[in-house]
Amino acid sequence: MHALPRLPLTAAAVATFLIAASAPAHTATAPSGAHRWTAGWATAVQRPSQSWYPTWAEAGFDDQTVRQTVRVGADGSDLRVRLSHAFGTTPLQLTGATVGISAGGAAVRPETVRALTFGGSVSPSIRPGDRPASDPVRLPVKAGDRLAVTLFFKGPSGPATFHNVAMETAYRAEGDHRADVSADAFAQESSSWYFLEGVDVAGKPAGGRRDAVVAFGDSLTDGAASTPGADKRYPDQLSRRLSAEGRQRPVLNAGIGGNRVLSDSACFGEKATTRFRHDVLDQIRVGTVIVLEGTNDILMGETAANPCTTTNRRVTAAELIEGHRALIRAARARGITVIGATLPPGKGLESGTPAETRAALNQWIRTSGAYDAVVDFDRVLADPLNPGQLLPAYASGDGLHPNDAGYRAMADAVDLDSL
């Protein structure tokens, strides 16, 4: 597979070259007719920091190209890419961007490369706080396809709004390689997503429902300790299960590793009661949300303060319950089905006050009737002989997170009729 020639310098020439070089005659880049959008992929973004994994977020990009791969969860004939400068403090100058279907790693299928524009501009200036969507492009996709989104920044981007625990590899190249279909130039790797927040698809579905399921939570939803690049997080496995049973629906992952219900963090995202609006309610055509939150409120209340865990006060089950009630009220106000998930066991939660708080919250989730339905991840993942620990077959080895089999068990525990 050979790289396309380097791009001409002008914005108009860039767009003309990419369309001519990458679009076969049977796949026009113009979108097809009126759009009824469905969220095909999404992530929850965070302010730039160093938390779980080393990242490029704080330094940003300067005369560099970043290529990022995501898995779409819905069929469509057209798509648009959503970026986020939610935590920016100065305007972000994007020199140019492309999207195409991944050929594995940093490679892209040549016939699928499309130039992206934003409000007709190849090189938009994005204001701090803005979350722009690209103009639609014609690019047929199937649920399960992996897309490569490539962003080039000629000048300094400044710190990048990002998602830390991607469980996916992002690739960086020096200079402008947005149209290169080869992986050769992309020698640098990261485990996060940058400035990328969503992909929407449109077009007549092959079957199934178009309203999305949002999995909302912390690292247990984010997929920490699952196999990188294999899409083994529980939301991914739930998506596959729905498709296998002829009930295809997009399943969006709105987990953030370290996230809490009641407290913001400089490293682990805004608190759940704040970010729920954007990460769930403002997504396109959401029908259901599964809430799995509270583990980090309990754990961080028992640890020494540091820049990531502040505020680290001890919380009560009653406070967590009130936080969950706020999420339930917000979902119901939008007509969204809201499912509560019990907190699995794990290191730091097995004895004393943390164990008591987790047990009280789980009992309320199971028995209060506050949620429309319940998925009991605690009972699914716990070792019957040691209820305060994960079943060994489901344990990743860190004492807290499931392995791929554990995440599969979580997906299998969801009653599809409740979604």
Protein backbone atom coordinates (compact mmCIF):
# COMPACT_ATOMS: atom_id res chain seq x y z
CA MET A 1 0.00 0.00 0.00
CA HIS A 2 1.49 3.35 -1.06
CA ALA A 3 1.07 6.79 0.49
CA LEU A 4 -0.72 9.46 -1.50
CA PRO A 5 1.40 12.43 -2.64
CA ARG A 6 1.95 15.23 -0.15
CA LEU A 7 -0.81 17.82 -0.20
CA PRO A 8 -0.64 21.23 -1.86
CA LEU A 9 -0.52 24.12 0.56
CA THR A 10 -3.78 25.99 0.05
CA ALA A 11 -7.00 24.98 1.79
CA ALA A 12 -8.91 24.87 -1.48
CA ALA A 13 -6.25 22.70 -3.08
CA VAL A 14 -6.27 20.36 -0.10
CA ALA A 15 -10.00 19.74 -0.40
CA THR A 16 -9.87 19.34 -4.18
CA PHE A 17 -6.95 16.93 -4.03
CA LEU A 18 -8.45 14.70 -1.36
CA ILE A 19 -11.81 14.41 -3.08
CA ALA A 20 -10.28 13.65 -6.45
CA ALA A 21 -7.61 11.28 -5.17
CA SER A 22 -9.64 9.24 -2.72
CA ALA A 23 -13.22 8.98 -3.97
CA PRO A 24 -14.12 6.23 -6.45
CA ALA A 25 -16.79 7.01 -9.02
CA HIS A 26 -19.45 4.95 -7.26
CA THR A 27 -18.98 6.71 -3.87
CA ALA A 28 -19.50 10.45 -4.15
CA THR A 29 -18.33 12.61 -1.28
CA ALA A 30 -21.49 14.71 -1.33
CA PRO A 31 -23.97 13.57 1.33
CA SER A 32 -27.18 11.93 0.22
CA GLY A 33 -30.32 13.92 0.81
CA ALA A 34 -31.88 14.86 4.14
CA HIS A 35 -30.24 13.50 7.27
CA ARG A 36 -31.69 11.80 10.29
CA TRP A 37 -28.66 11.39 12.45
CA THR A 38 -27.84 8.61 14.89
CA ALA A 39 -24.91 8.68 17.29
CA GLY A 40 -22.61 5.96 15.98
CA TRP A 41 -19.73 6.40 18.42
CA ALA A 42 -19.00 8.73 21.31
CA THR A 43 -16.65 9.27 24.20
CA ALA A 44 -16.71 11.46 27.30
CA VAL A 45 -14.02 14.15 27.24
CA GLN A 46 -11.82 15.47 30.05
CA ARG A 47 -9.63 18.46 30.74
CA PRO A 48 -5.94 18.00 29.80
CA SER A 49 -4.03 16.13 32.51
CA GLN A 50 -1.74 13.21 33.28
CA SER A 51 -3.82 10.63 35.12
CA TRP A 52 -4.03 6.96 34.10
CA TYR A 53 -1.69 6.85 31.12
CA PRO A 54 1.00 9.23 29.81
CA THR A 55 -0.63 11.47 27.22
CA TRP A 56 0.00 14.21 24.69
CA ALA A 57 -2.91 16.24 26.11
CA GLU A 58 -1.03 18.84 28.11
CA ALA A 59 1.55 19.57 25.42
CA GLY A 60 -0.90 19.37 22.52
CA PHE A 61 0.29 19.29 18.91
CA ASP A 62 2.53 21.52 16.76
CA ASP A 63 3.11 20.79 13.06
CA GLN A 64 1.89 17.28 13.78
CA THR A 65 -0.78 14.89 12.53
CA VAL A 66 -2.73 12.66 14.92
CA ARG A 67 -4.69 9.63 13.62
CA GLN A 68 -7.32 8.02 15.86
CA THR A 69 -9.37 4.87 15.39
CA VAL A 70 -12.92 4.29 16.62
CA ARG A 71 -15.53 1.56 16.13
CA VAL A 72 -18.95 2.70 14.89
CA GLY A 73 -22.07 1.00 16.23
CA ALA A 74 -24.64 1.73 13.52
CA ASP A 75 -25.07 1.37 9.76
CA GLY A 76 -25.26 4.46 7.59
CA SER A 77 -24.54 5.97 4.18
CA ASP A 78 -23.28 9.34 5.46
CA LEU A 79 -21.37 10.46 8.51
CA ARG A 80 -20.08 13.48 10.36
CA VAL A 81 -17.30 13.80 12.94
CA ARG A 82 -17.75 15.74 16.19
CA LEU A 83 -14.77 17.45 17.80
CA SER A 84 -14.50 19.00 21.25
CA HIS A 85 -12.60 22.05 22.52
CA ALA A 86 -14.66 21.93 25.72
CA PHE A 87 -11.71 22.58 28.03
CA GLY A 88 -9.73 24.90 25.76
CA THR A 89 -8.80 28.40 26.86
CA THR A 90 -7.68 29.86 23.51
CA PRO A 91 -8.96 29.37 19.94
CA LEU A 92 -7.96 26.08 18.33
CA GLN A 93 -6.76 26.29 14.72
CA LEU A 94 -7.34 23.00 12.92
CA THR A 95 -5.39 23.02 9.65
CA GLY A 96 -7.27 20.10 8.16
CA ALA A 97 -8.87 16.72 8.79
CA THR A 98 -9.83 13.51 7.02
CA VAL A 99 -11.85 10.41 7.79
CA GLY A 100 -11.65 6.95 6.25
CA ILE A 101 -12.10 3.29 7.03
CA SER A 102 -9.19 1.81 8.93
CA ALA A 103 -7.00 -0.80 7.25
CA GLY A 104 -5.48 -1.77 10.62
CA GLY A 105 -3.12 0.15 12.86
CA ALA A 106 -2.50 3.62 11.40
CA ALA A 107 -3.25 2.52 7.82
CA VAL A 108 -6.39 3.62 5.96
CA ARG A 109 -8.20 2.09 2.99
CA PRO A 110 -7.25 4.48 0.14
CA GLU A 111 -10.62 4.53 -1.62
CA THR A 112 -12.40 5.64 1.56
CA VAL A 113 -10.42 8.79 2.50
CA ARG A 114 -12.64 11.87 2.72
CA ALA A 115 -11.69 15.47 3.51
CA LEU A 116 -13.67 16.99 6.36
CA THR A 117 -14.96 20.54 6.41
CA PHE A 118 -16.62 22.48 9.22
CA GLY A 119 -19.16 25.06 8.13
CA GLY A 120 -17.62 24.83 4.67
CA SER A 121 -14.10 25.48 5.95
CA VAL A 122 -11.23 23.01 5.60
CA SER A 123 -9.31 24.89 8.31
CA PRO A 124 -11.73 26.10 10.99
CA SER A 125 -10.88 28.14 14.06
CA ILE A 126 -12.67 26.56 17.03
CA ARG A 127 -13.53 28.77 19.98
CA PRO A 128 -12.90 27.64 23.56
CA GLY A 129 -15.84 25.57 24.77
CA ASP A 130 -17.13 24.77 21.29
CA ARG A 131 -17.97 21.26 20.10
CA PRO A 132 -18.28 21.51 16.30
CA ALA A 133 -19.63 18.80 14.00
CA SER A 134 -18.16 18.42 10.52
CA ASP A 135 -20.22 18.85 7.42
CA PRO A 136 -21.71 15.52 6.27
CA VAL A 137 -19.67 13.29 3.97
CA ARG A 138 -20.81 10.34 1.91
CA LEU A 139 -19.07 7.24 3.32
CA PRO A 140 -21.14 4.06 3.76
CA VAL A 141 -20.35 2.20 6.99
CA LYS A 142 -21.61 -0.90 8.77
CA ALA A 143 -21.90 -1.40 12.51
CA GLY A 144 -18.55 -2.71 13.67
CA ASP A 145 -16.51 -0.86 11.04
CA ARG A 146 -13.42 0.90 12.36
CA LEU A 147 -12.91 4.49 11.24
CA ALA A 148 -9.66 6.45 11.20
CA VAL A 149 -10.06 10.16 11.96
CA THR A 150 -6.95 12.22 11.15
CA LEU A 151 -6.33 15.77 12.39
CA PHE A 152 -3.44 18.05 11.34
CA PHE A 153 -2.29 21.09 13.32
CA LYS A 154 0.24 23.26 11.47
CA GLY A 155 0.76 25.53 14.47
CA PRO A 156 0.54 24.93 18.22
CA SER A 157 -2.83 23.53 19.26
CA GLY A 158 -2.39 24.27 22.94
CA PRO A 159 -3.51 21.69 25.53
CA ALA A 160 -5.96 19.15 24.12
CA THR A 161 -9.40 18.27 25.41
CA PHE A 162 -9.13 14.49 25.44
CA HIS A 163 -10.24 11.08 26.74
CA ASN A 164 -7.50 9.32 28.68
CA VAL A 165 -8.41 5.62 28.89
CA ALA A 166 -9.21 4.94 25.24
CA MET A 167 -8.06 1.29 25.31
CA GLU A 168 -7.17 2.09 21.70
CA THR A 169 -4.02 3.38 20.04
CA ALA A 170 -3.70 6.89 18.64
CA TYR A 171 -0.84 7.57 16.22
CA ARG A 172 1.19 10.74 15.68
CA ALA A 173 3.37 11.86 12.76
CA GLU A 174 5.57 14.90 12.32
CA GLY A 175 4.28 17.23 9.60
CA ASP A 176 1.19 16.94 7.42
CA HIS A 177 0.12 13.35 6.79
CA ARG A 178 -3.65 13.71 6.90
CA ALA A 179 -4.05 12.11 3.43
CA ASP A 180 -1.39 9.42 3.83
CA VAL A 181 -3.00 5.99 3.73
CA SER A 182 0.18 4.25 4.81
CA ALA A 183 1.10 3.84 8.46
CA ASP A 184 4.78 4.53 7.80
CA ALA A 185 4.95 8.11 9.08
CA PHE A 186 2.93 7.42 12.23
CA ALA A 187 5.74 6.21 14.47
CA GLN A 188 4.52 7.65 17.81
CA GLU A 189 1.73 6.05 19.84
CA SER A 190 -0.61 7.02 22.66
CA SER A 191 -3.47 5.34 24.54
CA SER A 192 -5.86 8.32 24.46
CA TRP A 193 -8.20 10.18 22.09
CA TYR A 194 -7.62 13.91 21.40
CA PHE A 195 -10.16 16.60 20.40
CA LEU A 196 -12.40 13.75 19.19
CA GLU A 197 -15.84 13.32 20.76
CA GLY A 198 -18.20 11.54 18.40
CA VAL A 199 -19.16 10.15 15.03
CA ASP A 200 -22.76 10.37 13.82
CA VAL A 201 -24.20 8.33 10.96
CA ALA A 202 -27.25 8.81 8.80
CA GLY A 203 -29.11 6.78 6.23
CA LYS A 204 -31.66 4.01 6.06
CA PRO A 205 -30.81 1.32 8.64
CA ALA A 206 -30.52 -2.32 7.63
CA GLY A 207 -32.49 -3.29 10.72
CA GLY A 208 -32.76 -2.79 14.44
CA ARG A 209 -33.44 0.38 16.39
CA ARG A 210 -31.69 3.72 15.92
CA ASP A 211 -32.04 5.08 19.44
CA ALA A 212 -28.81 4.71 21.38
CA VAL A 213 -27.98 3.02 24.65
CA VAL A 214 -25.49 5.05 26.72
CA ALA A 215 -23.27 3.21 29.19
CA PHE A 216 -22.45 5.88 31.79
CA GLY A 217 -19.84 5.34 34.47
CA ASP A 218 -16.20 5.13 35.53
CA SER A 219 -13.30 2.82 34.61
CA LEU A 220 -15.54 -0.26 34.81
CA THR A 221 -17.47 1.20 31.89
CA ASP A 222 -14.40 2.74 30.24
CA GLY A 223 -12.95 -0.77 29.97
CA ALA A 224 -9.77 -0.43 32.06
CA ALA A 225 -7.73 -3.68 32.00
CA SER A 226 -9.49 -5.01 28.89
CA THR A 227 -7.36 -5.94 25.88
CA PRO A 228 -6.28 -2.72 24.10
CA GLY A 229 -7.55 -2.38 20.55
CA ALA A 230 -9.85 -5.42 20.82
CA ASP A 231 -13.13 -3.66 21.75
CA LYS A 232 -13.69 -5.91 24.76
CA ARG A 233 -15.18 -3.29 27.10
CA TYR A 234 -18.63 -4.25 28.37
CA PRO A 235 -20.44 -1.67 26.16
CA ASP A 236 -18.69 -3.10 23.07
CA GLN A 237 -19.68 -6.62 24.02
CA LEU A 238 -23.25 -5.50 24.71
CA SER A 239 -23.32 -3.96 21.23
CA ARG A 240 -22.19 -7.24 19.67
CA ARG A 241 -24.76 -9.17 21.68
CA LEU A 242 -27.56 -6.89 20.46
CA SER A 243 -26.43 -7.34 16.85
CA ALA A 244 -26.15 -11.12 17.22
CA GLU A 245 -29.74 -11.27 18.45
CA GLY A 246 -31.07 -9.09 15.65
CA ARG A 247 -31.58 -6.05 17.87
CA GLN A 248 -28.81 -3.79 16.59
CA ARG A 249 -28.56 -0.47 18.43
CA PRO A 250 -25.68 1.94 18.98
CA VAL A 251 -24.12 1.50 22.43
CA LEU A 252 -22.16 4.61 23.42
CA ASN A 253 -19.43 4.47 26.05
CA ALA A 254 -19.61 7.46 28.40
CA GLY A 255 -17.24 6.05 31.00
CA ILE A 256 -14.32 8.03 32.44
CA GLY A 257 -11.69 6.22 34.49
CA GLY A 258 -11.65 7.54 38.07
CA ASN A 259 -14.94 9.43 37.67
CA ARG A 260 -17.13 10.15 40.71
CA VAL A 261 -20.79 10.90 41.30
CA LEU A 262 -20.34 13.80 43.71
CA SER A 263 -16.92 15.38 43.12
CA ASP A 264 -15.08 16.93 40.18
CA SER A 265 -11.49 15.94 39.53
CA ALA A 266 -8.65 17.66 37.70
CA CYS A 267 -7.76 14.25 36.22
CA PHE A 268 -10.91 12.13 36.20
CA GLY A 269 -13.56 14.37 34.68
CA GLU A 270 -16.42 16.46 35.93
CA LYS A 271 -18.67 14.82 38.51
CA ALA A 272 -21.42 12.60 37.15
CA THR A 273 -24.22 14.95 38.14
CA THR A 274 -22.61 17.69 36.03
CA ARG A 275 -21.44 15.79 32.96
CA PHE A 276 -24.62 13.69 32.66
CA ARG A 277 -26.28 16.47 30.69
CA HIS A 278 -23.76 16.55 27.88
CA ASP A 279 -22.57 12.95 27.92
CA VAL A 280 -26.07 11.45 28.01
CA LEU A 281 -28.92 13.91 27.56
CA ASP A 282 -27.34 15.88 24.71
CA GLN A 283 -26.41 12.80 22.68
CA ILE A 284 -28.52 12.17 19.59
CA ARG A 285 -31.62 9.99 20.00
CA VAL A 286 -30.81 8.34 23.31
CA GLY A 287 -33.37 5.76 24.43
CA THR A 288 -31.67 4.16 27.43
CA VAL A 289 -28.86 4.86 29.89
CA ILE A 290 -27.12 2.33 32.17
CA VAL A 291 -25.62 4.01 35.25
CA LEU A 292 -22.62 2.39 36.97
CA GLU A 293 -21.09 5.00 39.31
CA GLY A 294 -19.97 5.33 42.92
CA THR A 295 -16.92 3.13 43.31
CA ASN A 296 -14.45 6.05 43.16
CA ASP A 297 -16.44 8.22 45.56
CA ILE A 298 -16.04 5.42 48.10
CA LEU A 299 -12.40 4.56 47.36
CA MET A 300 -11.06 8.11 47.16
CA GLY A 301 -12.65 8.97 50.48
CA GLU A 302 -10.21 6.51 52.03
CA THR A 303 -7.03 7.76 50.31
CA ALA A 304 -4.63 10.62 50.86
CA ALA A 305 -5.35 13.80 48.92
CA ASN A 306 -3.43 14.54 45.74
CA PRO A 307 -4.16 16.79 42.74
CA CYS A 308 -6.27 14.07 41.11
CA THR A 309 -8.32 12.95 44.14
CA THR A 310 -9.06 16.33 45.76
CA THR A 311 -11.74 16.65 47.14
CA ASN A 312 -11.31 13.28 48.84
CA ARG A 313 -13.84 13.42 51.66
CA ARG A 314 -15.58 10.28 52.89
CA VAL A 315 -19.08 10.03 51.40
CA THR A 316 -22.13 8.29 52.82
CA ALA A 317 -24.48 5.89 51.07
CA ALA A 318 -27.26 8.46 51.53
CA GLU A 319 -25.26 11.07 49.62
CA LEU A 320 -24.53 8.64 46.79
CA ILE A 321 -28.19 7.65 46.64
CA GLU A 322 -29.21 11.29 46.29
CA GLY A 323 -26.67 11.66 43.47
CA HIS A 324 -28.18 8.66 41.71
CA ARG A 325 -31.67 10.09 42.21
CA ALA A 326 -30.56 13.28 40.47
CA LEU A 327 -29.40 11.27 37.44
CA ILE A 328 -32.68 9.34 37.39
CA ARG A 329 -34.73 12.55 37.48
CA ALA A 330 -32.70 14.08 34.66
CA ALA A 331 -33.08 11.00 32.45
CA ARG A 332 -36.80 10.65 33.05
CA ALA A 333 -37.37 14.33 32.28
CA ARG A 334 -36.11 13.52 28.75
CA GLY A 335 -38.13 10.29 28.46
CA ILE A 336 -35.00 8.13 28.68
CA THR A 337 -35.18 4.66 30.25
CA VAL A 338 -32.69 4.57 33.13
CA ILE A 339 -31.13 1.32 34.37
CA GLY A 340 -29.15 1.10 37.60
CA ALA A 341 -26.10 -1.14 37.90
CA THR A 342 -24.79 -2.40 41.23
CA LEU A 343 -21.13 -1.82 42.11
CA PRO A 344 -18.94 -4.92 41.78
CA PRO A 345 -16.54 -5.88 44.57
CA GLY A 346 -12.89 -4.97 44.43
CA LYS A 347 -9.71 -4.07 46.24
CA GLY A 348 -10.39 -1.38 48.83
CA LEU A 349 -14.13 -2.12 48.93
CA GLU A 350 -14.05 -5.44 50.76
CA SER A 351 -14.04 -4.38 54.42
CA GLY A 352 -14.87 -1.62 56.88
CA THR A 353 -16.68 1.57 55.92
CA PRO A 354 -16.11 1.16 52.14
CA ALA A 355 -17.73 -2.29 52.19
CA GLU A 356 -20.65 -1.00 54.24
CA THR A 357 -21.21 1.97 51.92
CA ARG A 358 -21.05 -0.19 48.79
CA ALA A 359 -23.47 -2.73 50.29
CA ALA A 360 -25.96 -0.02 51.28
CA LEU A 361 -25.86 1.63 47.85
CA ASN A 362 -26.25 -1.73 46.10
CA GLN A 363 -29.18 -2.69 48.31
CA TRP A 364 -30.91 0.57 47.43
CA ILE A 365 -30.27 0.08 43.70
CA ARG A 366 -31.69 -3.48 43.87
CA THR A 367 -34.75 -2.87 46.02
CA SER A 368 -35.86 0.77 45.95
CA GLY A 369 -37.63 0.67 42.61
CA ALA A 370 -36.08 4.05 41.81
CA TYR A 371 -34.58 2.74 38.56
CA ASP A 372 -36.66 1.44 35.67
CA ALA A 373 -34.61 -1.76 35.76
CA VAL A 374 -31.51 -3.13 37.48
CA VAL A 375 -28.47 -5.06 36.23
CA ASP A 376 -26.73 -6.74 39.16
CA PHE A 377 -23.04 -6.63 38.21
CA ASP A 378 -22.12 -7.30 41.84
CA ARG A 379 -23.76 -10.73 41.87
CA VAL A 380 -22.47 -11.56 38.39
CA LEU A 381 -18.82 -10.76 39.12
CA ALA A 382 -18.40 -11.61 42.82
CA ASP A 383 -16.69 -14.80 43.96
CA PRO A 384 -19.36 -16.81 45.88
CA LEU A 385 -16.66 -18.08 48.24
CA ASN A 386 -15.24 -14.57 48.80
CA PRO A 387 -18.06 -12.10 48.09
CA GLY A 388 -15.76 -9.09 48.59
CA GLN A 389 -13.60 -10.15 45.64
CA LEU A 390 -14.02 -10.71 41.93
CA LEU A 391 -14.46 -14.27 40.75
CA PRO A 392 -10.94 -15.37 39.72
CA ALA A 393 -12.09 -16.27 36.20
CA TYR A 394 -13.27 -12.65 35.75
CA ALA A 395 -10.40 -10.83 37.50
CA SER A 396 -7.77 -8.86 35.59
CA GLY A 397 -5.26 -9.11 38.41
CA ASP A 398 -5.38 -5.54 39.74
CA GLY A 399 -8.00 -6.43 42.36
CA LEU A 400 -10.64 -4.08 40.97
CA HIS A 401 -11.22 -4.37 37.21
CA PRO A 402 -12.60 -7.34 35.29
CA ASN A 403 -10.73 -8.99 32.43
CA ASP A 404 -12.26 -9.51 28.97
CA ALA A 405 -14.30 -12.48 30.23
CA GLY A 406 -15.59 -10.39 33.13
CA TYR A 407 -16.66 -7.60 30.82
CA ARG A 408 -18.40 -10.20 28.66
CA ALA A 409 -20.25 -11.47 31.75
CA MET A 410 -21.37 -7.91 32.46
CA ALA A 411 -22.72 -7.54 28.93
CA ASP A 412 -24.48 -10.91 29.16
CA ALA A 413 -26.13 -9.87 32.44
CA VAL A 414 -28.06 -7.02 30.81
CA ASP A 415 -31.69 -7.91 30.12
CA LEU A 416 -32.10 -6.85 26.49
CA ASP A 417 -35.85 -6.45 26.97
CA SER A 418 -35.17 -3.74 29.56
CA LEU A 419 -33.22 -1.53 27.17
